[in-house]
N, C-alpha and C. Protein backbone atom coordinates (compact mmCIF):
# COMPACT_ATOMS: atom_id res chain seq x y z
N MET A 1 -13.23 16.72 31.25
CA MET A 1 -12.84 18.04 30.77
C MET A 1 -12.51 18.96 31.93
N THR A 2 -13.30 18.90 32.99
CA THR A 2 -13.07 19.76 34.14
C THR A 2 -11.71 19.46 34.78
N ALA A 3 -11.34 18.19 34.88
CA ALA A 3 -10.05 17.82 35.47
C ALA A 3 -8.91 18.40 34.65
N SER A 4 -9.05 18.40 33.34
CA SER A 4 -8.02 18.94 32.47
C SER A 4 -7.85 20.44 32.70
N ILE A 5 -8.94 21.14 32.80
CA ILE A 5 -8.89 22.58 33.06
C ILE A 5 -8.30 22.84 34.43
N GLU A 6 -8.70 22.04 35.42
CA GLU A 6 -8.19 22.20 36.78
C GLU A 6 -6.68 22.00 36.82
N LEU A 7 -6.16 21.00 36.13
CA LEU A 7 -4.72 20.76 36.09
C LEU A 7 -3.99 21.91 35.43
N LYS A 8 -4.54 22.46 34.37
CA LYS A 8 -3.91 23.59 33.70
C LYS A 8 -3.82 24.78 34.63
N GLN A 9 -4.81 24.97 35.46
CA GLN A 9 -4.80 26.08 36.39
C GLN A 9 -3.77 25.86 37.49
N LYS A 10 -3.61 24.63 37.96
CA LYS A 10 -2.67 24.34 39.02
C LYS A 10 -1.24 24.36 38.51
N TYR A 11 -1.02 23.90 37.29
CA TYR A 11 0.33 23.73 36.77
C TYR A 11 0.52 24.51 35.49
N ASP A 12 0.45 25.83 35.59
CA ASP A 12 0.69 26.64 34.40
C ASP A 12 2.17 26.58 34.04
N ALA A 13 2.54 27.15 32.93
CA ALA A 13 3.90 27.05 32.41
C ALA A 13 4.95 27.57 33.39
N THR A 14 4.64 28.64 34.09
CA THR A 14 5.60 29.20 35.04
C THR A 14 5.84 28.24 36.19
N LYS A 15 4.78 27.67 36.74
CA LYS A 15 4.93 26.73 37.85
C LYS A 15 5.70 25.49 37.41
N VAL A 16 5.40 25.00 36.22
CA VAL A 16 6.11 23.82 35.72
C VAL A 16 7.59 24.12 35.54
N ALA A 17 7.91 25.27 34.97
CA ALA A 17 9.31 25.63 34.75
C ALA A 17 10.07 25.78 36.06
N VAL A 18 9.46 26.45 37.03
CA VAL A 18 10.12 26.62 38.32
C VAL A 18 10.22 25.28 39.05
N GLY A 19 9.17 24.48 38.97
CA GLY A 19 9.20 23.16 39.59
C GLY A 19 10.28 22.27 38.98
N ARG A 20 10.40 22.32 37.69
CA ARG A 20 11.44 21.54 37.00
C ARG A 20 12.84 22.00 37.41
N GLN A 21 13.03 23.30 37.49
CA GLN A 21 14.34 23.83 37.90
C GLN A 21 14.64 23.43 39.35
N ALA A 22 13.64 23.51 40.21
CA ALA A 22 13.82 23.10 41.61
C ALA A 22 14.20 21.63 41.68
N TRP A 23 13.49 20.80 40.93
CA TRP A 23 13.79 19.36 40.91
C TRP A 23 15.21 19.12 40.43
N ASN A 24 15.61 19.76 39.34
CA ASN A 24 16.96 19.59 38.82
C ASN A 24 18.02 19.96 39.85
N GLU A 25 17.79 21.04 40.56
CA GLU A 25 18.78 21.47 41.55
C GLU A 25 18.76 20.60 42.80
N VAL A 26 17.60 20.12 43.18
CA VAL A 26 17.51 19.24 44.35
C VAL A 26 18.22 17.92 44.08
N VAL A 27 17.98 17.33 42.91
CA VAL A 27 18.57 16.01 42.65
C VAL A 27 20.06 16.06 42.39
N THR A 28 20.62 17.23 42.10
CA THR A 28 22.06 17.33 41.92
C THR A 28 22.78 17.77 43.19
N ASP A 29 22.01 18.08 44.22
CA ASP A 29 22.61 18.47 45.51
C ASP A 29 23.03 17.21 46.27
N ARG A 30 24.16 17.28 46.95
CA ARG A 30 24.69 16.12 47.66
C ARG A 30 23.73 15.61 48.73
N ARG A 31 22.90 16.49 49.31
CA ARG A 31 21.94 16.06 50.34
C ARG A 31 20.92 15.09 49.78
N PHE A 32 20.64 15.20 48.49
CA PHE A 32 19.68 14.32 47.85
C PHE A 32 20.23 12.90 47.74
N LEU A 33 21.54 12.78 47.64
CA LEU A 33 22.17 11.48 47.42
C LEU A 33 22.24 10.64 48.68
N VAL A 34 22.06 11.24 49.84
CA VAL A 34 22.06 10.49 51.09
C VAL A 34 20.78 9.68 51.15
N PRO A 35 20.90 8.36 51.39
CA PRO A 35 19.69 7.53 51.44
C PRO A 35 18.70 8.04 52.49
N LYS A 36 17.48 8.15 52.08
CA LYS A 36 16.40 8.61 52.96
C LYS A 36 15.21 7.68 52.78
N SER A 37 14.23 7.86 53.63
CA SER A 37 13.02 7.04 53.53
C SER A 37 12.01 7.63 52.55
N VAL A 38 12.32 8.77 51.96
CA VAL A 38 11.43 9.41 51.00
C VAL A 38 11.87 9.01 49.59
N THR A 39 10.94 8.52 48.79
CA THR A 39 11.27 8.10 47.43
C THR A 39 11.39 9.31 46.51
N GLN A 40 11.99 9.11 45.36
CA GLN A 40 12.09 10.20 44.38
C GLN A 40 10.71 10.68 43.97
N LEU A 41 9.78 9.76 43.84
CA LEU A 41 8.42 10.14 43.47
C LEU A 41 7.81 11.03 44.55
N GLU A 42 8.01 10.68 45.81
CA GLU A 42 7.47 11.51 46.90
C GLU A 42 8.09 12.90 46.89
N LYS A 43 9.38 12.97 46.58
CA LYS A 43 10.05 14.28 46.51
C LYS A 43 9.48 15.11 45.37
N ALA A 44 9.29 14.48 44.21
CA ALA A 44 8.73 15.19 43.06
C ALA A 44 7.30 15.64 43.35
N GLU A 45 6.50 14.76 43.96
CA GLU A 45 5.13 15.13 44.31
C GLU A 45 5.11 16.29 45.29
N HIS A 46 6.05 16.29 46.22
CA HIS A 46 6.11 17.39 47.19
C HIS A 46 6.39 18.71 46.48
N ILE A 47 7.33 18.71 45.55
CA ILE A 47 7.62 19.94 44.80
C ILE A 47 6.39 20.38 44.01
N LEU A 48 5.71 19.45 43.36
CA LEU A 48 4.50 19.79 42.60
C LEU A 48 3.40 20.34 43.51
N GLN A 49 3.21 19.70 44.66
CA GLN A 49 2.18 20.18 45.59
C GLN A 49 2.50 21.57 46.10
N THR A 50 3.77 21.79 46.41
CA THR A 50 4.18 23.11 46.89
C THR A 50 3.96 24.16 45.81
N ALA A 51 4.33 23.82 44.57
CA ALA A 51 4.13 24.74 43.45
C ALA A 51 2.64 24.98 43.21
N SER A 52 1.83 23.94 43.33
CA SER A 52 0.40 24.11 43.08
C SER A 52 -0.28 24.95 44.15
N SER A 53 0.37 25.06 45.33
CA SER A 53 -0.20 25.91 46.37
C SER A 53 0.14 27.38 46.15
N GLY A 54 0.89 27.65 45.06
CA GLY A 54 1.17 29.03 44.70
C GLY A 54 2.63 29.45 44.85
N VAL A 55 3.47 28.57 45.38
CA VAL A 55 4.88 28.91 45.55
C VAL A 55 5.56 28.86 44.19
N ARG A 56 6.16 29.96 43.78
CA ARG A 56 6.87 30.02 42.50
C ARG A 56 8.33 30.38 42.68
N ASP A 57 8.71 30.68 43.89
CA ASP A 57 10.09 31.05 44.17
C ASP A 57 10.96 29.79 44.21
N LEU A 58 11.99 29.76 43.39
CA LEU A 58 12.86 28.60 43.27
C LEU A 58 13.48 28.22 44.61
N ASP A 59 14.00 29.19 45.33
CA ASP A 59 14.64 28.90 46.62
C ASP A 59 13.64 28.34 47.63
N ARG A 60 12.43 28.85 47.64
CA ARG A 60 11.41 28.32 48.56
C ARG A 60 11.03 26.90 48.20
N LEU A 61 10.94 26.58 46.92
CA LEU A 61 10.63 25.21 46.51
C LEU A 61 11.75 24.26 46.93
N LYS A 62 12.99 24.66 46.71
CA LYS A 62 14.13 23.82 47.09
C LYS A 62 14.19 23.65 48.60
N THR A 63 14.01 24.73 49.34
CA THR A 63 14.03 24.65 50.80
C THR A 63 12.96 23.70 51.30
N SER A 64 11.79 23.80 50.73
CA SER A 64 10.69 22.92 51.12
C SER A 64 11.04 21.46 50.85
N ALA A 65 11.66 21.19 49.70
CA ALA A 65 12.04 19.82 49.37
C ALA A 65 13.08 19.29 50.34
N PHE A 66 14.06 20.11 50.69
CA PHE A 66 15.08 19.66 51.63
C PHE A 66 14.53 19.51 53.04
N GLU A 67 13.55 20.32 53.41
CA GLU A 67 12.90 20.15 54.71
C GLU A 67 12.17 18.82 54.75
N LYS A 68 11.57 18.45 53.63
CA LYS A 68 10.90 17.14 53.53
C LYS A 68 11.91 16.03 53.70
N LEU A 69 13.08 16.16 53.08
CA LEU A 69 14.13 15.16 53.22
C LEU A 69 14.60 15.06 54.68
N ASP A 70 14.81 16.22 55.30
CA ASP A 70 15.29 16.23 56.68
C ASP A 70 14.26 15.62 57.63
N ALA A 71 13.00 15.88 57.38
CA ALA A 71 11.93 15.34 58.24
C ALA A 71 11.86 13.82 58.13
N ALA A 72 12.23 13.29 56.98
CA ALA A 72 12.17 11.85 56.77
C ALA A 72 13.37 11.13 57.38
N ALA A 73 14.41 11.88 57.72
CA ALA A 73 15.63 11.26 58.25
C ALA A 73 15.43 10.76 59.67
């Protein structure tokens, strides 16, 4: 029960919506299509982790995801 409550606190509706929008925009960007050593799952986890740390700004989430891609290159 505690884990369920903890997840709800980390991923409230606003964070999920912004994270989903960030993911949609990242995967449709041409930079995402370039083969990298980071898997799609790792990219999604990075967006979720960034959102769970309190980032709700769409541009900051996308920038963070692309920085992760660049670091893996």
